[in-house]
Amino acid sequence: QGSCTGTLIAPDVVLTAGHCEGATMTDVIANTTDYQGTGGVRSTIKSITAYPNWETSYDVSVIVLNTPITGVTPRKIGTACTFTEGFADNTMVHLVGFGLTDTAGMGNNTKLNEAMAPVTDADCTGPGGCVASIKPGGEFIAGGGGKDSCFGDSGGPVYLDTPRGPVVVGAVSRGLDGSATPCGGGGIYVRTDKIVDWIETTTGRTVEKDLC
């Protein structure tokens, strides 16, 4: 019934958006740049669990797979020290996903895209649709001016370059309120440092973390 982007954070655990729980997805395809092409590693989904009351909290889900993904290194996710050390307004981050590339959110896309964009509100304290119950610091805002996430990117990673390599610091949630177009005006992303413990408790797995 739909598709989302996600990040492999343990051999059999994928981080994606809370609103993706209702998409009745059945498979994960890893290690591909075109999910309708050949190649990639497939695994079927055992369970999708959204964060409790994700609509008014953290818009994330965790997918547990029936079989581990092999040949793909799980990505490290950001912890408290990641954000203390090198994350602030104007920090450049990588937006990555399989979403649409049209600012009107029209058309189709199955290919992986990436854009560099600045963080514009590192704690999501300003206007734009930040969730009141988890601010400050539960989400952040990044992008705009045509460099943005779009439909289909939901749940995908935001990477921060660190001395230890790229680290996932966010999961795509939604566009900013009041944007002139559905995509392109900036987006809101869930901060990973706030959900690490929940992920490990919910899945019973130890995920890859940035230990700084």
N, C-alpha and C. Protein backbone atom coordinates (compact mmCIF):
# COMPACT_ATOMS: atom_id res chain seq x y z
N GLN A 1 0.81 -1.22 0.00
CA GLN A 1 0.00 0.00 0.00
C GLN A 1 0.84 1.27 0.00
N GLY A 2 2.16 1.13 0.01
CA GLY A 2 3.00 2.31 0.01
C GLY A 2 4.45 1.95 0.19
N SER A 3 5.31 2.95 0.13
CA SER A 3 6.73 2.73 0.33
C SER A 3 7.32 3.88 1.12
N CYS A 4 8.36 3.57 1.87
CA CYS A 4 9.08 4.56 2.66
C CYS A 4 10.57 4.29 2.52
N THR A 5 11.37 5.23 2.97
CA THR A 5 12.81 5.04 3.06
C THR A 5 13.14 4.69 4.50
N GLY A 6 14.21 3.95 4.71
CA GLY A 6 14.62 3.60 6.07
C GLY A 6 16.12 3.42 6.14
N THR A 7 16.61 3.18 7.34
CA THR A 7 18.04 3.00 7.56
C THR A 7 18.28 1.72 8.34
N LEU A 8 19.18 0.88 7.83
CA LEU A 8 19.58 -0.34 8.53
C LEU A 8 20.48 0.05 9.70
N ILE A 9 20.04 -0.21 10.94
CA ILE A 9 20.81 0.17 12.13
C ILE A 9 21.25 -1.05 12.94
N ALA A 10 20.85 -2.22 12.53
CA ALA A 10 21.32 -3.51 13.03
C ALA A 10 21.04 -4.49 11.89
N PRO A 11 21.66 -5.66 11.87
CA PRO A 11 21.46 -6.57 10.73
C PRO A 11 20.00 -6.89 10.42
N ASP A 12 19.14 -6.85 11.44
CA ASP A 12 17.72 -7.15 11.21
C ASP A 12 16.80 -6.07 11.74
N VAL A 13 17.30 -4.83 11.85
CA VAL A 13 16.48 -3.71 12.34
C VAL A 13 16.62 -2.52 11.40
N VAL A 14 15.49 -1.94 11.01
CA VAL A 14 15.46 -0.76 10.15
C VAL A 14 14.70 0.35 10.88
N LEU A 15 15.26 1.55 10.85
CA LEU A 15 14.58 2.73 11.39
C LEU A 15 13.84 3.44 10.28
N THR A 16 12.56 3.74 10.51
CA THR A 16 11.77 4.49 9.53
C THR A 16 10.80 5.40 10.28
N ALA A 17 9.84 5.96 9.57
CA ALA A 17 8.91 6.92 10.18
C ALA A 17 7.74 6.22 10.87
N GLY A 18 7.19 6.88 11.88
CA GLY A 18 6.03 6.34 12.57
C GLY A 18 4.84 6.21 11.65
N HIS A 19 4.65 7.21 10.77
CA HIS A 19 3.49 7.16 9.89
C HIS A 19 3.63 6.12 8.79
N CYS A 20 4.81 5.49 8.69
CA CYS A 20 4.99 4.40 7.72
C CYS A 20 4.41 3.08 8.24
N GLU A 21 4.10 3.02 9.52
CA GLU A 21 3.55 1.79 10.09
C GLU A 21 2.28 1.36 9.36
N GLY A 22 1.49 2.34 8.93
CA GLY A 22 0.22 2.03 8.30
C GLY A 22 0.28 1.75 6.82
N ALA A 23 1.48 1.70 6.26
CA ALA A 23 1.62 1.50 4.81
C ALA A 23 1.57 0.03 4.41
N THR A 24 1.41 -0.86 5.39
CA THR A 24 1.35 -2.32 5.16
C THR A 24 2.44 -2.79 4.21
N MET A 25 3.67 -2.38 4.49
CA MET A 25 4.81 -2.82 3.70
C MET A 25 5.16 -4.26 4.06
N THR A 26 5.73 -4.99 3.10
CA THR A 26 6.03 -6.41 3.31
C THR A 26 7.51 -6.75 3.20
N ASP A 27 8.28 -5.90 2.50
CA ASP A 27 9.69 -6.22 2.24
C ASP A 27 10.57 -5.01 2.47
N VAL A 28 11.82 -5.27 2.78
CA VAL A 28 12.86 -4.26 2.79
C VAL A 28 13.89 -4.64 1.73
N ILE A 29 14.30 -3.65 0.95
CA ILE A 29 15.36 -3.85 -0.04
C ILE A 29 16.52 -2.95 0.35
N ALA A 30 17.66 -3.56 0.60
CA ALA A 30 18.85 -2.81 1.02
C ALA A 30 19.91 -2.87 -0.07
N ASN A 31 20.83 -1.90 -0.01
CA ASN A 31 22.00 -1.89 -0.89
C ASN A 31 21.62 -1.81 -2.36
N THR A 32 20.71 -0.88 -2.67
CA THR A 32 20.35 -0.63 -4.06
C THR A 32 20.17 0.88 -4.24
N THR A 33 20.37 1.36 -5.44
CA THR A 33 20.11 2.76 -5.75
C THR A 33 18.87 2.92 -6.62
N ASP A 34 18.21 1.79 -6.93
CA ASP A 34 16.94 1.82 -7.67
C ASP A 34 16.16 0.59 -7.25
N TYR A 35 15.14 0.79 -6.42
CA TYR A 35 14.48 -0.38 -5.84
C TYR A 35 13.59 -1.15 -6.81
N GLN A 36 13.41 -0.63 -8.02
CA GLN A 36 12.72 -1.42 -9.05
C GLN A 36 13.70 -2.04 -10.03
N GLY A 37 14.98 -1.85 -9.81
CA GLY A 37 16.00 -2.43 -10.66
C GLY A 37 16.45 -3.78 -10.12
N THR A 38 17.49 -4.31 -10.72
CA THR A 38 18.06 -5.56 -10.25
C THR A 38 19.04 -5.28 -9.11
N GLY A 39 19.38 -6.32 -8.39
CA GLY A 39 20.33 -6.17 -7.30
C GLY A 39 19.66 -5.81 -6.00
N GLY A 40 20.50 -5.59 -4.99
CA GLY A 40 19.98 -5.32 -3.67
C GLY A 40 19.79 -6.59 -2.87
N VAL A 41 19.62 -6.42 -1.58
CA VAL A 41 19.40 -7.54 -0.67
C VAL A 41 18.01 -7.39 -0.06
N ARG A 42 17.21 -8.42 -0.18
CA ARG A 42 15.83 -8.38 0.29
C ARG A 42 15.64 -9.18 1.58
N SER A 43 14.74 -8.70 2.41
CA SER A 43 14.29 -9.45 3.57
C SER A 43 12.83 -9.09 3.82
N THR A 44 12.07 -10.06 4.28
CA THR A 44 10.67 -9.80 4.60
C THR A 44 10.55 -9.22 6.00
N ILE A 45 9.47 -8.49 6.20
CA ILE A 45 9.25 -7.78 7.46
C ILE A 45 8.53 -8.68 8.46
N LYS A 46 9.12 -8.79 9.64
CA LYS A 46 8.49 -9.55 10.72
C LYS A 46 7.52 -8.68 11.50
N SER A 47 7.93 -7.44 11.80
CA SER A 47 7.07 -6.54 12.57
C SER A 47 7.45 -5.09 12.31
N ILE A 48 6.47 -4.21 12.42
CA ILE A 48 6.69 -2.77 12.39
C ILE A 48 6.04 -2.20 13.64
N THR A 49 6.83 -1.51 14.46
CA THR A 49 6.31 -0.95 15.71
C THR A 49 6.57 0.55 15.72
N ALA A 50 5.51 1.32 15.80
CA ALA A 50 5.64 2.78 15.85
C ALA A 50 5.84 3.22 17.29
N TYR A 51 6.51 4.37 17.43
CA TYR A 51 6.67 4.96 18.76
C TYR A 51 5.27 5.25 19.32
N PRO A 52 5.06 5.00 20.61
CA PRO A 52 3.72 5.23 21.18
C PRO A 52 3.23 6.66 20.93
N ASN A 53 2.00 6.77 20.45
CA ASN A 53 1.39 8.07 20.18
C ASN A 53 2.29 8.93 19.29
N TRP A 54 2.82 8.33 18.23
CA TRP A 54 3.80 9.01 17.39
C TRP A 54 3.24 10.31 16.80
N GLU A 55 1.94 10.40 16.63
CA GLU A 55 1.35 11.62 16.04
C GLU A 55 1.63 12.85 16.88
N THR A 56 1.77 12.67 18.19
CA THR A 56 2.04 13.79 19.10
C THR A 56 3.35 13.59 19.85
N SER A 57 4.23 12.77 19.26
CA SER A 57 5.51 12.50 19.90
C SER A 57 6.57 12.32 18.81
N TYR A 58 7.35 11.25 18.90
CA TYR A 58 8.42 11.00 17.92
C TYR A 58 7.87 10.19 16.76
N ASP A 59 7.92 10.77 15.58
CA ASP A 59 7.36 10.12 14.38
C ASP A 59 8.37 9.12 13.81
N VAL A 60 8.54 8.00 14.53
CA VAL A 60 9.46 6.95 14.09
C VAL A 60 8.82 5.58 14.31
N SER A 61 9.29 4.62 13.53
CA SER A 61 8.96 3.20 13.70
C SER A 61 10.24 2.39 13.60
N VAL A 62 10.20 1.21 14.19
CA VAL A 62 11.29 0.26 13.98
C VAL A 62 10.73 -0.99 13.30
N ILE A 63 11.43 -1.42 12.27
CA ILE A 63 11.09 -2.64 11.55
C ILE A 63 12.05 -3.74 11.98
N VAL A 64 11.51 -4.88 12.37
CA VAL A 64 12.33 -6.07 12.63
C VAL A 64 12.12 -7.03 11.47
N LEU A 65 13.22 -7.53 10.92
CA LEU A 65 13.18 -8.37 9.73
C LEU A 65 13.17 -9.85 10.11
N ASN A 66 12.62 -10.67 9.20
CA ASN A 66 12.62 -12.11 9.44
C ASN A 66 14.01 -12.71 9.31
N THR A 67 14.81 -12.18 8.42
CA THR A 67 16.19 -12.64 8.26
C THR A 67 17.11 -11.44 8.18
N PRO A 68 18.31 -11.53 8.76
CA PRO A 68 19.23 -10.39 8.75
C PRO A 68 19.68 -10.05 7.33
N ILE A 69 19.94 -8.78 7.11
CA ILE A 69 20.52 -8.32 5.86
C ILE A 69 22.02 -8.62 5.90
N THR A 70 22.54 -9.26 4.88
CA THR A 70 23.96 -9.60 4.84
C THR A 70 24.67 -8.74 3.80
N GLY A 71 25.93 -8.49 4.04
CA GLY A 71 26.73 -7.73 3.09
C GLY A 71 26.52 -6.23 3.14
N VAL A 72 25.78 -5.75 4.12
CA VAL A 72 25.53 -4.32 4.28
C VAL A 72 25.86 -3.95 5.72
N THR A 73 26.72 -2.98 5.90
CA THR A 73 27.10 -2.55 7.25
C THR A 73 26.03 -1.64 7.83
N PRO A 74 25.46 -1.99 8.98
CA PRO A 74 24.47 -1.11 9.60
C PRO A 74 25.07 0.26 9.89
N ARG A 75 24.26 1.29 9.79
CA ARG A 75 24.70 2.66 10.04
C ARG A 75 24.66 2.99 11.52
N LYS A 76 25.62 3.77 11.96
CA LYS A 76 25.61 4.25 13.34
C LYS A 76 24.61 5.39 13.48
N ILE A 77 23.90 5.39 14.61
CA ILE A 77 22.96 6.47 14.86
C ILE A 77 23.49 7.39 15.95
N GLY A 78 23.12 8.65 15.85
CA GLY A 78 23.63 9.66 16.75
C GLY A 78 23.10 9.52 18.16
N THR A 79 23.97 9.78 19.13
CA THR A 79 23.63 9.76 20.55
C THR A 79 23.80 11.18 21.10
N ALA A 80 23.66 11.33 22.40
CA ALA A 80 23.72 12.66 23.00
C ALA A 80 25.03 13.37 22.67
N CYS A 81 26.15 12.64 22.71
CA CYS A 81 27.43 13.29 22.47
C CYS A 81 27.58 13.74 21.02
N THR A 82 26.92 13.05 20.09
CA THR A 82 26.96 13.45 18.68
C THR A 82 26.41 14.87 18.51
N PHE A 83 25.31 15.12 19.18
CA PHE A 83 24.65 16.42 19.05
C PHE A 83 25.38 17.51 19.83
N THR A 84 25.99 17.14 20.95
CA THR A 84 26.75 18.11 21.73
C THR A 84 28.02 18.52 21.00
N GLU A 85 28.61 17.56 20.31
CA GLU A 85 29.92 17.74 19.70
C GLU A 85 29.90 18.53 18.40
N GLY A 86 28.90 18.28 17.54
CA GLY A 86 29.02 18.88 16.22
C GLY A 86 27.72 19.14 15.48
N PHE A 87 26.67 19.50 16.23
CA PHE A 87 25.37 19.71 15.59
C PHE A 87 24.78 21.02 16.07
N ALA A 88 24.51 21.92 15.13
CA ALA A 88 23.98 23.23 15.48
C ALA A 88 23.35 23.85 14.24
N ASP A 89 22.72 24.99 14.41
CA ASP A 89 22.21 25.73 13.26
C ASP A 89 23.34 25.98 12.27
N ASN A 90 23.01 25.88 11.00
CA ASN A 90 23.94 26.08 9.87
C ASN A 90 24.87 24.90 9.62
N THR A 91 24.81 23.85 10.44
CA THR A 91 25.56 22.63 10.14
C THR A 91 25.00 22.02 8.85
N MET A 92 25.89 21.60 7.96
CA MET A 92 25.44 20.96 6.72
C MET A 92 25.24 19.46 6.95
N VAL A 93 24.12 18.94 6.48
CA VAL A 93 23.80 17.53 6.62
C VAL A 93 23.39 16.96 5.26
N HIS A 94 23.42 15.62 5.16
CA HIS A 94 23.03 14.92 3.94
C HIS A 94 21.59 14.42 4.09
N LEU A 95 20.71 14.81 3.19
CA LEU A 95 19.35 14.26 3.11
C LEU A 95 19.38 13.16 2.06
N VAL A 96 18.96 11.95 2.43
CA VAL A 96 19.08 10.80 1.53
C VAL A 96 17.76 10.04 1.49
N GLY A 97 17.29 9.68 0.30
CA GLY A 97 16.07 8.89 0.24
C GLY A 97 15.59 8.61 -1.17
N PHE A 98 14.53 7.82 -1.23
CA PHE A 98 13.93 7.38 -2.49
C PHE A 98 12.68 8.19 -2.84
N GLY A 99 12.56 9.38 -2.27
CA GLY A 99 11.35 10.17 -2.47
C GLY A 99 11.29 10.90 -3.79
N LEU A 100 10.18 11.59 -3.99
CA LEU A 100 9.95 12.36 -5.21
C LEU A 100 10.91 13.55 -5.27
N THR A 101 11.13 14.02 -6.49
CA THR A 101 12.08 15.13 -6.69
C THR A 101 11.40 16.38 -7.22
N ASP A 102 10.08 16.37 -7.29
CA ASP A 102 9.31 17.50 -7.78
C ASP A 102 8.79 18.30 -6.60
N THR A 103 8.93 19.63 -6.63
CA THR A 103 8.50 20.44 -5.49
C THR A 103 6.99 20.35 -5.24
N ALA A 104 6.23 19.99 -6.27
CA ALA A 104 4.80 19.82 -6.10
C ALA A 104 4.45 18.42 -5.57
N GLY A 105 5.46 17.57 -5.42
CA GLY A 105 5.22 16.22 -4.91
C GLY A 105 4.49 15.34 -5.89
N MET A 106 4.72 15.56 -7.18
CA MET A 106 4.04 14.79 -8.22
C MET A 106 5.02 13.84 -8.91
N GLY A 107 4.45 12.87 -9.64
CA GLY A 107 5.27 11.97 -10.44
C GLY A 107 5.66 10.72 -9.68
N ASN A 108 6.69 10.05 -10.18
CA ASN A 108 7.16 8.80 -9.59
C ASN A 108 8.68 8.85 -9.50
N ASN A 109 9.21 8.10 -8.56
CA ASN A 109 10.66 7.96 -8.44
C ASN A 109 10.98 6.68 -7.69
N THR A 110 11.93 5.92 -8.20
CA THR A 110 12.38 4.72 -7.51
C THR A 110 13.87 4.77 -7.22
N LYS A 111 14.50 5.89 -7.56
CA LYS A 111 15.95 5.98 -7.43
C LYS A 111 16.37 6.75 -6.18
N LEU A 112 17.53 6.37 -5.65
CA LEU A 112 18.07 7.02 -4.47
C LEU A 112 18.67 8.37 -4.84
N ASN A 113 18.33 9.39 -4.07
CA ASN A 113 18.86 10.73 -4.28
C ASN A 113 19.45 11.26 -2.98
N GLU A 114 20.32 12.26 -3.12
CA GLU A 114 20.96 12.87 -1.96
C GLU A 114 21.12 14.36 -2.21
N ALA A 115 20.97 15.14 -1.14
CA ALA A 115 21.20 16.58 -1.23
C ALA A 115 21.84 17.05 0.06
N MET A 116 22.69 18.05 -0.05
CA MET A 116 23.26 18.70 1.12
C MET A 116 22.38 19.89 1.49
N ALA A 117 22.11 20.04 2.77
CA ALA A 117 21.24 21.12 3.22
C ALA A 117 21.67 21.57 4.61
N PRO A 118 21.41 22.83 4.95
CA PRO A 118 21.78 23.31 6.29
C PRO A 118 20.69 23.03 7.32
N VAL A 119 21.14 22.81 8.55
CA VAL A 119 20.22 22.78 9.68
C VAL A 119 19.80 24.22 9.96
N THR A 120 18.51 24.45 10.05
CA THR A 120 18.01 25.82 10.28
C THR A 120 17.44 26.02 11.68
N ASP A 121 17.11 24.94 12.37
CA ASP A 121 16.63 25.03 13.76
C ASP A 121 16.99 23.71 14.44
N ALA A 122 18.13 23.68 15.10
CA ALA A 122 18.69 22.43 15.63
C ALA A 122 17.85 21.81 16.74
N ASP A 123 17.02 22.60 17.42
CA ASP A 123 16.20 22.09 18.51
C ASP A 123 14.71 22.15 18.22
N CYS A 124 14.35 22.60 17.02
CA CYS A 124 12.94 22.70 16.61
C CYS A 124 12.13 23.50 17.63
N THR A 125 12.62 24.69 17.93
CA THR A 125 11.94 25.53 18.92
C THR A 125 11.05 26.59 18.28
N GLY A 126 11.26 26.84 16.99
CA GLY A 126 10.53 27.91 16.34
C GLY A 126 9.25 27.44 15.69
N PRO A 127 8.65 28.30 14.86
CA PRO A 127 7.42 27.94 14.14
C PRO A 127 7.72 26.94 13.03
N GLY A 128 6.66 26.37 12.48
CA GLY A 128 6.83 25.45 11.36
C GLY A 128 6.19 24.10 11.58
N GLY A 129 5.68 23.86 12.78
CA GLY A 129 5.00 22.60 13.02
C GLY A 129 5.73 21.64 13.92
N CYS A 130 6.69 22.11 14.71
CA CYS A 130 7.40 21.26 15.66
C CYS A 130 6.41 20.74 16.72
N VAL A 131 6.59 19.49 17.12
CA VAL A 131 5.69 18.88 18.10
C VAL A 131 5.97 19.48 19.47
N ALA A 132 4.94 20.08 20.07
CA ALA A 132 5.12 20.82 21.33
C ALA A 132 5.58 19.92 22.47
N SER A 133 5.08 18.69 22.52
CA SER A 133 5.35 17.82 23.67
C SER A 133 6.80 17.34 23.74
N ILE A 134 7.55 17.44 22.63
CA ILE A 134 8.93 16.93 22.64
C ILE A 134 9.96 18.02 22.35
N LYS A 135 9.52 19.28 22.36
CA LYS A 135 10.49 20.34 22.16
C LYS A 135 10.81 21.03 23.49
N PRO A 136 12.03 21.56 23.61
CA PRO A 136 13.06 21.62 22.57
C PRO A 136 13.87 20.33 22.50
N GLY A 137 14.43 20.07 21.34
CA GLY A 137 15.41 19.01 21.20
C GLY A 137 14.91 17.67 20.75
N GLY A 138 13.60 17.52 20.51
CA GLY A 138 13.11 16.23 20.03
C GLY A 138 13.19 16.09 18.52
N GLU A 139 13.20 17.23 17.83
CA GLU A 139 13.26 17.26 16.38
C GLU A 139 14.19 18.38 15.95
N PHE A 140 14.48 18.44 14.65
CA PHE A 140 15.19 19.60 14.11
C PHE A 140 14.64 19.91 12.73
N ILE A 141 14.92 21.12 12.25
CA ILE A 141 14.49 21.55 10.93
C ILE A 141 15.72 21.73 10.06
N ALA A 142 15.62 21.29 8.82
CA ALA A 142 16.73 21.45 7.87
C ALA A 142 16.18 21.63 6.47
N GLY A 143 17.00 22.20 5.62
CA GLY A 143 16.66 22.32 4.21
C GLY A 143 15.83 23.54 3.89
N GLY A 144 15.41 23.60 2.63
CA GLY A 144 14.67 24.73 2.11
C GLY A 144 15.33 25.23 0.84
N GLY A 145 14.68 26.12 0.15
CA GLY A 145 15.24 26.65 -1.08
C GLY A 145 15.40 25.60 -2.16
N GLY A 146 14.54 24.59 -2.14
CA GLY A 146 14.59 23.54 -3.15
C GLY A 146 15.40 22.32 -2.76
N LYS A 147 16.15 22.39 -1.68
CA LYS A 147 16.91 21.23 -1.16
C LYS A 147 16.14 20.68 0.02
N ASP A 148 15.48 19.55 -0.19
CA ASP A 148 14.48 19.12 0.78
C ASP A 148 14.18 17.64 0.61
N SER A 149 13.48 17.08 1.58
CA SER A 149 12.88 15.75 1.46
C SER A 149 11.48 15.90 0.87
N CYS A 150 10.95 14.77 0.37
CA CYS A 150 9.62 14.81 -0.25
C CYS A 150 8.92 13.49 0.02
N PHE A 151 7.73 13.32 -0.55
CA PHE A 151 6.95 12.10 -0.35
C PHE A 151 7.76 10.89 -0.82
N GLY A 152 7.83 9.87 0.02
CA GLY A 152 8.64 8.69 -0.27
C GLY A 152 9.96 8.68 0.48
N ASP A 153 10.40 9.86 0.91
CA ASP A 153 11.61 9.96 1.73
C ASP A 153 11.31 9.66 3.20
N SER A 154 10.05 9.58 3.56
CA SER A 154 9.66 9.41 4.97
C SER A 154 10.45 8.29 5.64
N GLY A 155 10.99 8.61 6.81
CA GLY A 155 11.74 7.62 7.58
C GLY A 155 13.19 7.52 7.21
N GLY A 156 13.57 8.16 6.11
CA GLY A 156 14.95 8.05 5.63
C GLY A 156 15.94 8.80 6.50
N PRO A 157 17.22 8.57 6.25
CA PRO A 157 18.24 9.13 7.12
C PRO A 157 18.66 10.55 6.77
N VAL A 158 19.07 11.26 7.81
CA VAL A 158 19.84 12.49 7.67
C VAL A 158 21.22 12.17 8.25
N TYR A 159 22.25 12.31 7.43
CA TYR A 159 23.60 11.98 7.86
C TYR A 159 24.39 13.23 8.22
N LEU A 160 25.13 13.13 9.32
CA LEU A 160 26.08 14.16 9.73
C LEU A 160 27.48 13.60 9.57
N ASP A 161 28.36 14.34 8.90
CA ASP A 161 29.76 13.93 8.79
C ASP A 161 30.47 14.20 10.10
N THR A 162 31.10 13.18 10.67
CA THR A 162 31.85 13.30 11.92
C THR A 162 33.26 12.76 11.69
N PRO A 163 34.18 12.99 12.62
CA PRO A 163 35.52 12.40 12.50
C PRO A 163 35.50 10.89 12.47
N ARG A 164 34.38 10.30 12.88
CA ARG A 164 34.24 8.84 12.90
C ARG A 164 33.49 8.32 11.68
N GLY A 165 33.21 9.20 10.76
CA GLY A 165 32.45 8.83 9.57
C GLY A 165 31.03 9.35 9.65
N PRO A 166 30.19 9.06 8.63
CA PRO A 166 28.82 9.54 8.63
C PRO A 166 27.97 8.86 9.71
N VAL A 167 27.17 9.67 10.38
CA VAL A 167 26.31 9.18 11.46
C VAL A 167 24.88 9.63 11.18
N VAL A 168 23.91 8.74 11.39
CA VAL A 168 22.50 9.10 11.21
C VAL A 168 22.05 9.92 12.41
N VAL A 169 21.65 11.16 12.16
CA VAL A 169 21.21 12.03 13.25
C VAL A 169 19.72 12.33 13.19
N GLY A 170 19.07 11.93 12.10
CA GLY A 170 17.65 12.23 11.98
C GLY A 170 16.92 11.24 11.10
N ALA A 171 15.60 11.19 11.28
CA ALA A 171 14.71 10.42 10.41
C ALA A 171 13.67 11.37 9.85
N VAL A 172 13.43 11.29 8.55
CA VAL A 172 12.51 12.19 7.86
C VAL A 172 11.09 12.03 8.42
N SER A 173 10.47 13.14 8.80
CA SER A 173 9.10 13.10 9.28
C SER A 173 8.14 13.79 8.33
N ARG A 174 8.30 15.11 8.13
CA ARG A 174 7.28 15.86 7.39
C ARG A 174 7.83 17.21 6.94
N GLY A 175 7.07 17.87 6.07
CA GLY A 175 7.44 19.19 5.62
C GLY A 175 7.02 20.26 6.61
N LEU A 176 7.56 21.44 6.43
CA LEU A 176 7.23 22.56 7.31
C LEU A 176 5.81 23.07 7.04
N ASP A 177 5.12 23.44 8.07
CA ASP A 177 3.81 24.08 7.91
C ASP A 177 3.97 25.40 7.17
N GLY A 178 3.03 25.69 6.31
CA GLY A 178 3.01 26.97 5.64
C GLY A 178 3.92 27.11 4.45
N SER A 179 4.55 26.01 4.02
CA SER A 179 5.43 26.09 2.85
C SER A 179 4.59 26.37 1.60
N ALA A 180 5.17 27.10 0.67
CA ALA A 180 4.46 27.46 -0.55
C ALA A 180 4.22 26.24 -1.43
N THR A 181 5.06 25.23 -1.33
CA THR A 181 4.92 24.01 -2.11
C THR A 181 5.01 22.81 -1.17
N PRO A 182 4.45 21.65 -1.56
CA PRO A 182 4.51 20.47 -0.68
C PRO A 182 5.93 20.05 -0.33
N CYS A 183 6.86 20.22 -1.26
CA CYS A 183 8.25 19.84 -1.04
C CYS A 183 9.15 21.00 -1.48
N GLY A 184 10.32 21.08 -0.86
CA GLY A 184 11.27 22.11 -1.25
C GLY A 184 11.43 23.23 -0.26
N GLY A 185 10.51 23.34 0.70
CA GLY A 185 10.53 24.46 1.63
C GLY A 185 11.16 24.16 2.97
N GLY A 186 11.71 22.97 3.12
CA GLY A 186 12.32 22.58 4.39
C GLY A 186 11.53 21.49 5.08
N GLY A 187 12.19 20.73 5.93
CA GLY A 187 11.54 19.60 6.56
C GLY A 187 11.85 19.48 8.04
N ILE A 188 11.05 18.66 8.71
CA ILE A 188 11.21 18.38 10.14
C ILE A 188 11.66 16.94 10.29
N TYR A 189 12.66 16.75 11.15
CA TYR A 189 13.32 15.46 11.30
C TYR A 189 13.40 15.09 12.78
N VAL A 190 13.15 13.82 13.09
CA VAL A 190 13.24 13.34 14.47
C VAL A 190 14.71 13.12 14.82
N ARG A 191 15.13 13.63 15.97
CA ARG A 191 16.51 13.46 16.41
C ARG A 191 16.72 12.07 16.99
N THR A 192 17.79 11.42 16.55
CA THR A 192 18.03 10.04 16.97
C THR A 192 18.45 9.91 18.43
N ASP A 193 19.07 10.94 18.99
CA ASP A 193 19.54 10.82 20.38
C ASP A 193 18.39 10.61 21.36
N LYS A 194 17.19 10.99 20.96
CA LYS A 194 16.04 10.88 21.85
C LYS A 194 15.35 9.51 21.80
N ILE A 195 15.71 8.70 20.83
CA ILE A 195 14.95 7.46 20.62
C ILE A 195 15.81 6.21 20.70
N VAL A 196 17.11 6.35 20.99
CA VAL A 196 18.01 5.18 21.01
C VAL A 196 17.53 4.13 22.00
N ASP A 197 17.26 4.55 23.24
CA ASP A 197 16.85 3.59 24.27
C ASP A 197 15.55 2.89 23.88
N TRP A 198 14.60 3.66 23.34
CA TRP A 198 13.33 3.05 22.93
C TRP A 198 13.54 2.02 21.84
N ILE A 199 14.41 2.30 20.88
CA ILE A 199 14.67 1.37 19.79
C ILE A 199 15.19 0.04 20.35
N GLU A 200 16.17 0.11 21.24
CA GLU A 200 16.77 -1.12 21.75
C GLU A 200 15.81 -1.88 22.66
N THR A 201 15.02 -1.17 23.44
CA THR A 201 14.04 -1.83 24.30
C THR A 201 12.95 -2.50 23.48
N THR A 202 12.49 -1.82 22.43
CA THR A 202 11.39 -2.33 21.61
C THR A 202 11.80 -3.52 20.77
N THR A 203 13.00 -3.48 20.24
CA THR A 203 13.45 -4.55 19.33
C THR A 203 14.19 -5.68 20.05
N GLY A 204 14.70 -5.39 21.23
CA GLY A 204 15.53 -6.38 21.92
C GLY A 204 16.88 -6.56 21.25
N ARG A 205 17.27 -5.60 20.42
CA ARG A 205 18.54 -5.67 19.70
C ARG A 205 19.44 -4.51 20.15
N THR A 206 20.74 -4.73 20.03
CA THR A 206 21.70 -3.65 20.21
C THR A 206 21.98 -3.05 18.86
N VAL A 207 21.71 -1.78 18.70
CA VAL A 207 21.90 -1.13 17.40
C VAL A 207 23.27 -0.44 17.38
N GLU A 208 23.70 -0.11 16.17
CA GLU A 208 24.98 0.60 16.00
C GLU A 208 24.83 2.04 16.46
N LYS A 209 25.68 2.46 17.40
CA LYS A 209 25.59 3.82 17.94
C LYS A 209 26.90 4.57 17.77
N ASP A 210 26.80 5.87 17.64
CA ASP A 210 27.97 6.73 17.62
C ASP A 210 28.41 6.95 19.07
N LEU A 211 29.59 6.45 19.42
CA LEU A 211 30.07 6.54 20.79
C LEU A 211 31.01 7.71 21.02
N CYS A 212 31.26 8.50 19.95
CA CYS A 212 32.07 9.71 20.06
C CYS A 212 33.43 9.42 20.70
